[in-house]
Amino acid sequence: MTTSPDYRAGFVSFVGRPNVGKSTLTNALVGEKVAITSSKPQTTRRAIRGIVHHANGQLVLVDTPGMHRPRTLLGERLNSVVQDTLGEVDVIGFCVPADEKLGPGDRFINEQLDSFPRAKKVAIVTKIDAASKAAVAEQLLAVSSLRDWEAIVPLSAVSRIQLDTVASELIKLLPVSPQLYPSEQVTEELLEDRVSEFIREAALEGVQDELPHSLAVTIDDIVERDDRELVEVYANLFVERDSQKGIIIGHKGQRLREVGERARAQIEPLVGKQVFLSIRVKVAKDWQRDPKQLGRLGF
């Protein structure tokens, strides 16, 4: 652990509408995938901590669900996760994409930031590689009019443009502090949590309409076999209706096999061994609105 007198460490949370690139930015800064990503809204469902190590400071990034107006009990609980997290962090990074004009959702979130006076506020214009220079400039101007930010940084997490700049700006705003986590640690997530999220991410690929919101994954067991280089993973993939179960499994099980292949490709590097993955698809009727089932599924 470092004890340099000018070393800084603290907690930063990125907020914004669903799918503005918060998880992608978290992963890019950490240098490893600690939060799953998808084009589907509400992909992130928990506060996930990613730890960024720099010579002069340590950023603990708390990736949260996207702020939204909830339509289900799950949505209400996800918003509560965001509110609880923002009340405790040192810096809030408000993310808006360069390729979409500011809308009511962005203005709503900006207004919510007044509820957290303790945290310093930074504006981050994401996805600048997907917009023209003129559009980026226009967005920077629009964002600057929302409030007096500590800093405004345009970047692309995918192309790694300005990543070092945003890390430096965030570290400057943290309190002087020794390291909060050991240098080799990149996340607080348990293996079981990361495996379940990789399976859910694989299942999100290609599904439409309400199905992404209806997916949840639990892990029954992860078994490491002593006699061979193999890890066995037994998982449950929950949907809300029988019709959704058929969509996930696909014709003669083809779609479920594809989900397993995509998930294994991410789990194997994580565990360092070949993986046998068993996924059972189950129906938990309307679980997003049922307090008991939400509890069983970890929400």
C-alpha atoms as a PDB file:
ATOM      1  CA  MET A   1       0.000   0.000   0.000  1.00  0.00           C
ATOM      2  CA  THR A   2       1.307   3.450  -0.889  1.00  0.00           C
ATOM      3  CA  THR A   3       1.462   6.227   1.690  1.00  0.00           C
ATOM      4  CA  SER A   4       2.718   9.060  -0.552  1.00  0.00           C
ATOM      5  CA  PRO A   5       1.639  12.419   0.935  1.00  0.00           C
ATOM      6  CA  ASP A   6       0.098  13.619  -2.351  1.00  0.00           C
ATOM      7  CA  TYR A   7      -1.519  10.302  -3.325  1.00  0.00           C
ATOM      8  CA  ARG A   8      -5.304  10.446  -3.826  1.00  0.00           C
ATOM      9  CA  ALA A   9      -7.942   7.736  -3.684  1.00  0.00           C
ATOM     10  CA  GLY A  10     -11.711   7.687  -3.640  1.00  0.00           C
ATOM     11  CA  PHE A  11     -14.990   6.714  -5.230  1.00  0.00           C
ATOM     12  CA  VAL A  12     -16.384   7.839  -8.577  1.00  0.00           C
ATOM     13  CA  SER A  13     -19.726   6.942 -10.117  1.00  0.00           C
ATOM     14  CA  PHE A  14     -20.789   7.473 -13.722  1.00  0.00           C
ATOM     15  CA  VAL A  15     -24.441   8.363 -14.250  1.00  0.00           C
ATOM     16  CA  GLY A  16     -26.525   8.907 -17.338  1.00  0.00           C
ATOM     17  CA  ARG A  17     -29.393   7.524 -19.311  1.00  0.00           C
ATOM     18  CA  PRO A  18     -29.314   3.800 -20.084  1.00  0.00           C
ATOM     19  CA  ASN A  19     -26.858   2.865 -22.844  1.00  0.00           C
ATOM     20  CA  VAL A  20     -24.704   6.009 -22.901  1.00  0.00           C
ATOM     21  CA  GLY A  21     -21.506   4.002 -22.398  1.00  0.00           C
ATOM     22  CA  LYS A  22     -21.026   3.974 -18.614  1.00  0.00           C
ATOM     23  CA  SER A  23     -20.026   0.299 -18.366  1.00  0.00           C
ATOM     24  CA  THR A  24     -17.827   0.522 -21.470  1.00  0.00           C
ATOM     25  CA  LEU A  25     -16.023   3.494 -19.908  1.00  0.00           C
ATOM     26  CA  THR A  26     -15.602   1.644 -16.609  1.00  0.00           C
ATOM     27  CA  ASN A  27     -14.066  -1.381 -18.355  1.00  0.00           C
ATOM     28  CA  ALA A  28     -11.776   0.777 -20.497  1.00  0.00           C
ATOM     29  CA  LEU A  29     -10.400   2.630 -17.474  1.00  0.00           C
ATOM     30  CA  VAL A  30      -9.929  -0.571 -15.437  1.00  0.00           C
ATOM     31  CA  GLY A  31      -8.280  -2.301 -18.405  1.00  0.00           C
ATOM     32  CA  GLU A  32     -10.338  -5.435 -17.886  1.00  0.00           C
ATOM     33  CA  LYS A  33     -13.991  -6.379 -18.285  1.00  0.00           C
ATOM     34  CA  VAL A  34     -15.609  -5.995 -14.872  1.00  0.00           C
ATOM     35  CA  ALA A  35     -19.068  -4.868 -16.047  1.00  0.00           C
ATOM     36  CA  ILE A  36     -21.049  -6.439 -18.878  1.00  0.00           C
ATOM     37  CA  THR A  37     -22.062  -4.299 -21.829  1.00  0.00           C
ATOM     38  CA  SER A  38     -24.963  -4.459 -24.247  1.00  0.00           C
ATOM     39  CA  SER A  39     -27.021  -2.191 -26.478  1.00  0.00           C
ATOM     40  CA  LYS A  40     -30.039  -3.135 -24.349  1.00  0.00           C
ATOM     41  CA  PRO A  41     -31.218  -0.640 -21.691  1.00  0.00           C
ATOM     42  CA  GLN A  42     -30.776  -1.541 -18.009  1.00  0.00           C
ATOM     43  CA  THR A  43     -27.992  -4.019 -18.704  1.00  0.00           C
ATOM     44  CA  THR A  44     -26.296  -3.015 -15.428  1.00  0.00           C
ATOM     45  CA  ARG A  45     -28.368  -4.061 -12.410  1.00  0.00           C
ATOM     46  CA  ARG A  46     -25.977  -3.725  -9.477  1.00  0.00           C
ATOM     47  CA  ALA A  47     -23.371  -1.282  -8.227  1.00  0.00           C
ATOM     48  CA  ILE A  48     -20.186  -2.880  -9.587  1.00  0.00           C
ATOM     49  CA  ARG A  49     -16.808  -1.643  -8.385  1.00  0.00           C
ATOM     50  CA  GLY A  50     -13.893  -1.454 -10.792  1.00  0.00           C
ATOM     51  CA  ILE A  51     -10.510  -0.340  -9.463  1.00  0.00           C
ATOM     52  CA  VAL A  52      -8.124   1.794 -11.521  1.00  0.00           C
ATOM     53  CA  HIS A  53      -4.486   2.056 -10.418  1.00  0.00           C
ATOM     54  CA  HIS A  54      -2.367   5.080 -11.361  1.00  0.00           C
ATOM     55  CA  ALA A  55       0.989   6.249 -10.013  1.00  0.00           C
ATOM     56  CA  ASN A  56      -0.581   9.234  -8.252  1.00  0.00           C
ATOM     57  CA  GLY A  57      -3.971   7.851  -7.297  1.00  0.00           C
ATOM     58  CA  GLN A  58      -6.558   5.096  -7.205  1.00  0.00           C
ATOM     59  CA  LEU A  59     -10.026   5.431  -8.729  1.00  0.00           C
ATOM     60  CA  VAL A  60     -12.732   3.166  -7.395  1.00  0.00           C
ATOM     61  CA  LEU A  61     -15.351   3.292 -10.140  1.00  0.00           C
ATOM     62  CA  VAL A  62     -18.850   2.346  -9.050  1.00  0.00           C
ATOM     63  CA  ASP A  63     -20.804   1.371 -12.161  1.00  0.00           C
ATOM     64  CA  THR A  64     -24.536   1.738 -11.548  1.00  0.00           C
ATOM     65  CA  PRO A  65     -27.770   1.053 -13.450  1.00  0.00           C
ATOM     66  CA  GLY A  66     -28.921   3.816 -15.774  1.00  0.00           C
ATOM     67  CA  MET A  67     -31.261   6.378 -14.208  1.00  0.00           C
ATOM     68  CA  HIS A  68     -34.764   6.043 -15.623  1.00  0.00           C
ATOM     69  CA  ARG A  69     -38.434   6.461 -14.748  1.00  0.00           C
ATOM     70  CA  PRO A  70     -39.302   3.003 -13.378  1.00  0.00           C
ATOM     71  CA  ARG A  71     -42.205   0.921 -14.671  1.00  0.00           C
ATOM     72  CA  THR A  72     -41.668  -2.119 -12.422  1.00  0.00           C
ATOM     73  CA  LEU A  73     -40.587  -2.935  -8.875  1.00  0.00           C
ATOM     74  CA  LEU A  74     -37.234  -4.011 -10.320  1.00  0.00           C
ATOM     75  CA  GLY A  75     -36.903  -0.559 -11.917  1.00  0.00           C
ATOM     76  CA  GLU A  76     -37.636   1.103  -8.572  1.00  0.00           C
ATOM     77  CA  ARG A  77     -34.980  -1.014  -6.865  1.00  0.00           C
ATOM     78  CA  LEU A  78     -32.422  -0.243  -9.569  1.00  0.00           C
ATOM     79  CA  ASN A  79     -33.063   3.472  -9.087  1.00  0.00           C
ATOM     80  CA  SER A  80     -32.580   2.989  -5.333  1.00  0.00           C
ATOM     81  CA  VAL A  81     -29.179   1.415  -6.024  1.00  0.00           C
ATOM     82  CA  VAL A  82     -28.218   4.546  -7.968  1.00  0.00           C
ATOM     83  CA  GLN A  83     -29.474   6.918  -5.267  1.00  0.00           C
ATOM     84  CA  ASP A  84     -27.683   5.039  -2.468  1.00  0.00           C
ATOM     85  CA  THR A  85     -24.433   4.949  -4.443  1.00  0.00           C
ATOM     86  CA  LEU A  86     -24.443   8.634  -5.367  1.00  0.00           C
ATOM     87  CA  GLY A  87     -24.903   9.608  -1.734  1.00  0.00           C
ATOM     88  CA  GLU A  88     -21.527   8.065  -0.874  1.00  0.00           C
ATOM     89  CA  VAL A  89     -19.141   8.818  -3.775  1.00  0.00           C
ATOM     90  CA  ASP A  90     -16.585  11.636  -4.013  1.00  0.00           C
ATOM     91  CA  VAL A  91     -17.138  12.447  -7.694  1.00  0.00           C
ATOM     92  CA  ILE A  92     -20.059  11.964 -10.077  1.00  0.00           C
ATOM     93  CA  GLY A  93     -19.313  11.744 -13.794  1.00  0.00           C
ATOM     94  CA  PHE A  94     -22.401  12.672 -15.817  1.00  0.00           C
ATOM     95  CA  CYS A  95     -22.178  10.839 -19.166  1.00  0.00           C
ATOM     96  CA  VAL A  96     -23.929  12.062 -22.306  1.00  0.00           C
ATOM     97  CA  PRO A  97     -23.257  10.648 -25.785  1.00  0.00           C
ATOM     98  CA  ALA A  98     -21.844  12.936 -28.470  1.00  0.00           C
ATOM     99  CA  ASP A  99     -24.111  11.468 -31.155  1.00  0.00           C
ATOM    100  CA  GLU A 100     -27.453  12.290 -29.500  1.00  0.00           C
ATOM    101  CA  LYS A 101     -28.794  15.728 -28.594  1.00  0.00           C
ATOM    102  CA  LEU A 102     -29.562  16.466 -24.949  1.00  0.00           C
ATOM    103  CA  GLY A 103     -33.082  15.296 -24.133  1.00  0.00           C
ATOM    104  CA  PRO A 104     -35.546  15.352 -21.232  1.00  0.00           C
ATOM    105  CA  GLY A 105     -33.888  12.282 -19.687  1.00  0.00           C
ATOM    106  CA  ASP A 106     -30.498  14.024 -19.551  1.00  0.00           C
ATOM    107  CA  ARG A 107     -32.022  17.155 -18.026  1.00  0.00           C
ATOM    108  CA  PHE A 108     -33.915  15.072 -15.471  1.00  0.00           C
ATOM    109  CA  ILE A 109     -30.686  13.358 -14.373  1.00  0.00           C
ATOM    110  CA  ASN A 110     -28.824  16.676 -14.232  1.00  0.00           C
ATOM    111  CA  GLU A 111     -31.514  18.026 -11.888  1.00  0.00           C
ATOM    112  CA  GLN A 112     -31.177  14.922  -9.699  1.00  0.00           C
ATOM    113  CA  LEU A 113     -27.474  15.697  -9.184  1.00  0.00           C
ATOM    114  CA  ASP A 114     -28.447  18.626  -6.937  1.00  0.00           C
ATOM    115  CA  SER A 115     -29.545  16.018  -4.385  1.00  0.00           C
ATOM    116  CA  PHE A 116     -25.897  15.034  -3.876  1.00  0.00           C
ATOM    117  CA  PRO A 117     -24.080  18.214  -2.821  1.00  0.00           C
ATOM    118  CA  ARG A 118     -21.170  16.282  -1.297  1.00  0.00           C
ATOM    119  CA  ALA A 119     -19.952  14.945  -4.646  1.00  0.00           C
ATOM    120  CA  LYS A 120     -18.019  16.998  -7.173  1.00  0.00           C
ATOM    121  CA  LYS A 121     -19.515  16.895 -10.662  1.00  0.00           C
ATOM    122  CA  VAL A 122     -17.756  16.238 -13.955  1.00  0.00           C
ATOM    123  CA  ALA A 123     -19.370  16.098 -17.408  1.00  0.00           C
ATOM    124  CA  ILE A 124     -18.173  13.376 -19.790  1.00  0.00           C
ATOM    125  CA  VAL A 125     -19.186  13.469 -23.451  1.00  0.00           C
ATOM    126  CA  THR A 126     -18.922   9.865 -24.635  1.00  0.00           C
ATOM    127  CA  LYS A 127     -18.786   8.202 -28.065  1.00  0.00           C
ATOM    128  CA  ILE A 128     -16.970  11.083 -29.788  1.00  0.00           C
ATOM    129  CA  ASP A 129     -15.745   8.602 -32.401  1.00  0.00           C
ATOM    130  CA  ALA A 130     -19.375   8.182 -33.512  1.00  0.00           C
ATOM    131  CA  ALA A 131     -20.015  11.898 -34.113  1.00  0.00           C
ATOM    132  CA  SER A 132     -18.624  14.683 -36.307  1.00  0.00           C
ATOM    133  CA  LYS A 133     -16.339  17.342 -34.817  1.00  0.00           C
ATOM    134  CA  ALA A 134     -19.154  19.864 -35.200  1.00  0.00           C
ATOM    135  CA  ALA A 135     -21.586  17.597 -33.317  1.00  0.00           C
ATOM    136  CA  VAL A 136     -19.045  17.058 -30.525  1.00  0.00           C
ATOM    137  CA  ALA A 137     -18.471  20.806 -30.210  1.00  0.00           C
ATOM    138  CA  GLU A 138     -22.229  21.438 -30.129  1.00  0.00           C
ATOM    139  CA  GLN A 139     -22.686  18.799 -27.413  1.00  0.00           C
ATOM    140  CA  LEU A 140     -19.851  20.232 -25.300  1.00  0.00           C
ATOM    141  CA  LEU A 141     -21.511  23.639 -25.494  1.00  0.00           C
ATOM    142  CA  ALA A 142     -24.915  22.202 -24.568  1.00  0.00           C
ATOM    143  CA  VAL A 143     -23.502  20.288 -21.607  1.00  0.00           C
ATOM    144  CA  SER A 144     -21.567  23.305 -20.340  1.00  0.00           C
ATOM    145  CA  SER A 145     -24.836  25.239 -20.068  1.00  0.00           C
ATOM    146  CA  LEU A 146     -26.358  22.719 -17.644  1.00  0.00           C
ATOM    147  CA  ARG A 147     -24.246  23.690 -14.616  1.00  0.00           C
ATOM    148  CA  ASP A 148     -20.796  24.799 -13.467  1.00  0.00           C
ATOM    149  CA  TRP A 149     -18.820  21.559 -13.857  1.00  0.00           C
ATOM    150  CA  GLU A 150     -15.438  20.859 -12.261  1.00  0.00           C
ATOM    151  CA  ALA A 151     -14.339  19.611 -15.695  1.00  0.00           C
ATOM    152  CA  ILE A 152     -15.830  18.662 -19.059  1.00  0.00           C
ATOM    153  CA  VAL A 153     -14.067  15.859 -20.947  1.00  0.00           C
ATOM    154  CA  PRO A 154     -14.914  14.475 -24.411  1.00  0.00           C
ATOM    155  CA  LEU A 155     -13.776  10.888 -24.987  1.00  0.00           C
ATOM    156  CA  SER A 156     -14.251   7.566 -26.715  1.00  0.00           C
ATOM    157  CA  ALA A 157     -13.900   4.546 -24.463  1.00  0.00           C
ATOM    158  CA  VAL A 158     -13.938   2.141 -27.432  1.00  0.00           C
ATOM    159  CA  SER A 159     -11.154   3.985 -29.281  1.00  0.00           C
ATOM    160  CA  ARG A 160      -9.408   4.879 -25.983  1.00  0.00           C
ATOM    161  CA  ILE A 161      -9.357   8.576 -26.921  1.00  0.00           C
ATOM    162  CA  GLN A 162      -8.824  10.858 -23.887  1.00  0.00           C
ATOM    163  CA  LEU A 163      -9.011   7.989 -21.364  1.00  0.00           C
ATOM    164  CA  ASP A 164      -5.858   9.158 -19.583  1.00  0.00           C
ATOM    165  CA  THR A 165      -7.233  12.693 -19.507  1.00  0.00           C
ATOM    166  CA  VAL A 166     -10.473  11.700 -17.793  1.00  0.00           C
ATOM    167  CA  ALA A 167      -8.572   9.523 -15.293  1.00  0.00           C
ATOM    168  CA  SER A 168      -6.248  12.430 -14.437  1.00  0.00           C
ATOM    169  CA  GLU A 169      -9.146  14.874 -14.053  1.00  0.00           C
ATOM    170  CA  LEU A 170     -11.029  12.477 -11.774  1.00  0.00           C
ATOM    171  CA  ILE A 171      -7.981  11.727  -9.593  1.00  0.00           C
ATOM    172  CA  LYS A 172      -7.393  15.480  -9.070  1.00  0.00           C
ATOM    173  CA  LEU A 173     -10.837  15.737  -7.481  1.00  0.00           C
ATOM    174  CA  LEU A 174     -10.374  12.852  -5.020  1.00  0.00           C
ATOM    175  CA  PRO A 175      -9.331  13.346  -1.389  1.00  0.00           C
ATOM    176  CA  VAL A 176      -5.731  12.787  -0.336  1.00  0.00           C
ATOM    177  CA  SER A 177      -5.741   9.178   0.879  1.00  0.00           C
ATOM    178  CA  PRO A 178      -3.677   5.982   0.947  1.00  0.00           C
ATOM    179  CA  GLN A 179      -4.651   3.163  -1.424  1.00  0.00           C
ATOM    180  CA  LEU A 180      -8.054   1.666  -0.663  1.00  0.00           C
ATOM    181  CA  TYR A 181      -7.409  -1.633  -2.479  1.00  0.00           C
ATOM    182  CA  PRO A 182      -4.276  -3.730  -3.163  1.00  0.00           C
ATOM    183  CA  SER A 183      -2.502  -2.960  -6.459  1.00  0.00           C
ATOM    184  CA  GLU A 184      -3.432  -6.298  -8.061  1.00  0.00           C
ATOM    185  CA  GLN A 185      -7.189  -6.015  -7.384  1.00  0.00           C
ATOM    186  CA  VAL A 186      -9.421  -4.777 -10.222  1.00  0.00           C
ATOM    187  CA  THR A 187     -12.898  -5.489  -8.835  1.00  0.00           C
ATOM    188  CA  GLU A 188     -14.874  -6.477  -5.745  1.00  0.00           C
ATOM    189  CA  GLU A 189     -17.081  -8.791  -7.780  1.00  0.00           C
ATOM    190  CA  LEU A 190     -17.065 -12.442  -6.737  1.00  0.00           C
ATOM    191  CA  LEU A 191     -16.374 -15.146  -9.332  1.00  0.00           C
ATOM    192  CA  GLU A 192     -19.980 -16.342  -9.114  1.00  0.00           C
ATOM    193  CA  ASP A 193     -21.273 -12.818  -9.833  1.00  0.00           C
ATOM    194  CA  ARG A 194     -18.983 -12.319 -12.822  1.00  0.00           C
ATOM    195  CA  VAL A 195     -19.879 -15.715 -14.298  1.00  0.00           C
ATOM    196  CA  SER A 196     -23.622 -15.073 -13.947  1.00  0.00           C
ATOM    197  CA  GLU A 197     -23.254 -11.680 -15.622  1.00  0.00           C
ATOM    198  CA  PHE A 198     -21.299 -13.155 -18.557  1.00  0.00           C
ATOM    199  CA  ILE A 199     -24.123 -15.659 -19.082  1.00  0.00           C
ATOM    200  CA  ARG A 200     -26.742 -12.898 -18.975  1.00  0.00           C
ATOM    201  CA  GLU A 201     -24.725 -10.787 -21.414  1.00  0.00           C
ATOM    202  CA  ALA A 202     -24.528 -13.749 -23.813  1.00  0.00           C
ATOM    203  CA  ALA A 203     -28.291 -14.264 -23.534  1.00  0.00           C
ATOM    204  CA  LEU A 204     -28.969 -10.569 -24.276  1.00  0.00           C
ATOM    205  CA  GLU A 205     -27.351 -10.861 -27.708  1.00  0.00           C
ATOM    206  CA  GLY A 206     -29.996 -10.642 -30.402  1.00  0.00           C
ATOM    207  CA  VAL A 207     -33.116 -10.585 -28.193  1.00  0.00           C
ATOM    208  CA  GLN A 208     -35.735  -7.890 -28.715  1.00  0.00           C
ATOM    209  CA  ASP A 209     -38.686  -6.110 -27.110  1.00  0.00           C
ATOM    210  CA  GLU A 210     -39.248  -6.782 -23.407  1.00  0.00           C
ATOM    211  CA  LEU A 211     -37.169  -9.962 -23.208  1.00  0.00           C
ATOM    212  CA  PRO A 212     -33.902  -8.267 -22.116  1.00  0.00           C
ATOM    213  CA  HIS A 213     -35.621  -6.936 -18.994  1.00  0.00           C
ATOM    214  CA  SER A 214     -37.082 -10.372 -18.261  1.00  0.00           C
ATOM    215  CA  LEU A 215     -33.732 -12.202 -18.103  1.00  0.00           C
ATOM    216  CA  ALA A 216     -32.045 -13.060 -14.823  1.00  0.00           C
ATOM    217  CA  VAL A 217     -29.272 -15.551 -14.022  1.00  0.00           C
ATOM    218  CA  THR A 218     -28.366 -17.414 -10.837  1.00  0.00           C
ATOM    219  CA  ILE A 219     -25.514 -19.848 -10.227  1.00  0.00           C
ATOM    220  CA  ASP A 220     -26.198 -23.133  -8.423  1.00  0.00           C
ATOM    221  CA  ASP A 221     -22.577 -24.296  -8.274  1.00  0.00           C
ATOM    222  CA  ILE A 222     -19.074 -23.820  -9.645  1.00  0.00           C
ATOM    223  CA  VAL A 223     -17.018 -26.997  -9.282  1.00  0.00           C
ATOM    224  CA  GLU A 224     -13.303 -27.288 -10.016  1.00  0.00           C
ATOM    225  CA  ARG A 225     -12.366 -30.874 -10.868  1.00  0.00           C
ATOM    226  CA  ASP A 226      -9.074 -32.015  -9.305  1.00  0.00           C
ATOM    227  CA  ASP A 227      -8.509 -34.787 -11.837  1.00  0.00           C
ATOM    228  CA  ARG A 228      -8.528 -32.583 -14.946  1.00  0.00           C
ATOM    229  CA  GLU A 229      -8.255 -29.000 -16.133  1.00  0.00           C
ATOM    230  CA  LEU A 230     -12.001 -28.419 -16.059  1.00  0.00           C
ATOM    231  CA  VAL A 231     -14.410 -26.145 -14.215  1.00  0.00           C
ATOM    232  CA  GLU A 232     -18.091 -27.105 -14.149  1.00  0.00           C
ATOM    233  CA  VAL A 233     -20.645 -24.280 -13.962  1.00  0.00           C
ATOM    234  CA  TYR A 234     -24.323 -24.975 -13.238  1.00  0.00           C
ATOM    235  CA  ALA A 235     -26.546 -21.969 -13.942  1.00  0.00           C
ATOM    236  CA  ASN A 236     -30.222 -21.048 -14.138  1.00  0.00           C
ATOM    237  CA  LEU A 237     -31.499 -18.574 -16.728  1.00  0.00           C
ATOM    238  CA  PHE A 238     -34.865 -17.139 -15.702  1.00  0.00           C
ATOM    239  CA  VAL A 239     -37.536 -15.614 -17.933  1.00  0.00           C
ATOM    240  CA  GLU A 240     -41.031 -14.392 -17.062  1.00  0.00           C
ATOM    241  CA  ARG A 241     -43.230 -16.352 -19.503  1.00  0.00           C
ATOM    242  CA  ASP A 242     -43.288 -19.732 -21.237  1.00  0.00           C
ATOM    243  CA  SER A 243     -43.190 -18.019 -24.646  1.00  0.00           C
ATOM    244  CA  GLN A 244     -39.897 -16.355 -23.653  1.00  0.00           C
ATOM    245  CA  LYS A 245     -38.465 -19.721 -22.627  1.00  0.00           C
ATOM    246  CA  GLY A 246     -39.012 -20.969 -26.174  1.00  0.00           C
ATOM    247  CA  ILE A 247     -37.262 -17.910 -27.624  1.00  0.00           C
ATOM    248  CA  ILE A 248     -34.196 -18.389 -25.403  1.00  0.00           C
ATOM    249  CA  ILE A 249     -33.909 -22.125 -26.133  1.00  0.00           C
ATOM    250  CA  GLY A 250     -34.547 -21.718 -29.874  1.00  0.00           C
ATOM    251  CA  HIS A 251     -35.257 -24.364 -32.505  1.00  0.00           C
ATOM    252  CA  LYS A 252     -33.904 -27.691 -31.269  1.00  0.00           C
ATOM    253  CA  GLY A 253     -31.918 -25.840 -28.600  1.00  0.00           C
ATOM    254  CA  GLN A 254     -29.762 -23.982 -31.137  1.00  0.00           C
ATOM    255  CA  ARG A 255     -30.062 -20.543 -29.544  1.00  0.00           C
ATOM    256  CA  LEU A 256     -29.255 -21.812 -26.042  1.00  0.00           C
ATOM    257  CA  ARG A 257     -26.157 -23.546 -27.428  1.00  0.00           C
ATOM    258  CA  GLU A 258     -25.047 -20.223 -28.929  1.00  0.00           C
ATOM    259  CA  VAL A 259     -25.584 -18.516 -25.559  1.00  0.00           C
ATOM    260  CA  GLY A 260     -23.425 -21.191 -23.915  1.00  0.00           C
ATOM    261  CA  GLU A 261     -20.651 -20.765 -26.493  1.00  0.00           C
ATOM    262  CA  ARG A 262     -20.561 -16.978 -26.074  1.00  0.00           C
ATOM    263  CA  ALA A 263     -20.586 -17.245 -22.281  1.00  0.00           C
ATOM    264  CA  ARG A 264     -17.840 -19.899 -22.168  1.00  0.00           C
ATOM    265  CA  ALA A 265     -15.611 -17.728 -24.350  1.00  0.00           C
ATOM    266  CA  GLN A 266     -15.616 -15.122 -21.570  1.00  0.00           C
ATOM    267  CA  ILE A 267     -15.663 -17.438 -18.542  1.00  0.00           C
ATOM    268  CA  GLU A 268     -12.689 -19.591 -19.592  1.00  0.00           C
ATOM    269  CA  PRO A 269     -10.117 -16.738 -19.573  1.00  0.00           C
ATOM    270  CA  LEU A 270     -11.514 -15.672 -16.194  1.00  0.00           C
ATOM    271  CA  VAL A 271     -11.042 -19.101 -14.545  1.00  0.00           C
ATOM    272  CA  GLY A 272      -7.988 -20.110 -16.588  1.00  0.00           C
ATOM    273  CA  LYS A 273      -9.402 -23.531 -17.485  1.00  0.00           C
ATOM    274  CA  GLN A 274     -11.832 -25.186 -19.870  1.00  0.00           C
ATOM    275  CA  VAL A 275     -15.438 -24.822 -18.763  1.00  0.00           C
ATOM    276  CA  PHE A 276     -18.358 -27.225 -18.848  1.00  0.00           C
ATOM    277  CA  LEU A 277     -21.417 -24.978 -18.723  1.00  0.00           C
ATOM    278  CA  SER A 278     -24.907 -26.243 -17.910  1.00  0.00           C
ATOM    279  CA  ILE A 279     -27.715 -23.665 -18.321  1.00  0.00           C
ATOM    280  CA  ARG A 280     -31.271 -24.530 -17.305  1.00  0.00           C
ATOM    281  CA  VAL A 281     -33.959 -22.167 -18.574  1.00  0.00           C
ATOM    282  CA  LYS A 282     -36.753 -21.613 -16.038  1.00  0.00           C
ATOM    283  CA  VAL A 283     -39.903 -19.491 -15.817  1.00  0.00           C
ATOM    284  CA  ALA A 284     -40.405 -17.165 -12.824  1.00  0.00           C
ATOM    285  CA  LYS A 285     -43.710 -15.545 -13.696  1.00  0.00           C
ATOM    286  CA  ASP A 286     -43.578 -11.706 -13.687  1.00  0.00           C
ATOM    287  CA  TRP A 287     -40.546 -11.733 -11.374  1.00  0.00           C
ATOM    288  CA  GLN A 288     -39.806  -8.044 -12.057  1.00  0.00           C
ATOM    289  CA  ARG A 289     -42.968  -7.116 -10.142  1.00  0.00           C
ATOM    290  CA  ASP A 290     -42.847  -9.764  -7.391  1.00  0.00           C
ATOM    291  CA  PRO A 291     -40.982  -8.752  -4.188  1.00  0.00           C
ATOM    292  CA  LYS A 292     -40.360 -12.355  -3.092  1.00  0.00           C
ATOM    293  CA  GLN A 293     -38.988 -13.470  -6.447  1.00  0.00           C
ATOM    294  CA  LEU A 294     -36.854 -10.330  -6.723  1.00  0.00           C
ATOM    295  CA  GLY A 295     -35.320 -11.226  -3.390  1.00  0.00           C
ATOM    296  CA  ARG A 296     -34.587 -14.782  -4.512  1.00  0.00           C
ATOM    297  CA  LEU A 297     -32.929 -13.463  -7.659  1.00  0.00           C
ATOM    298  CA  GLY A 298     -30.708 -11.097  -5.693  1.00  0.00           C
ATOM    299  CA  PHE A 299     -32.473  -7.760  -6.063  1.00  0.00           C
END
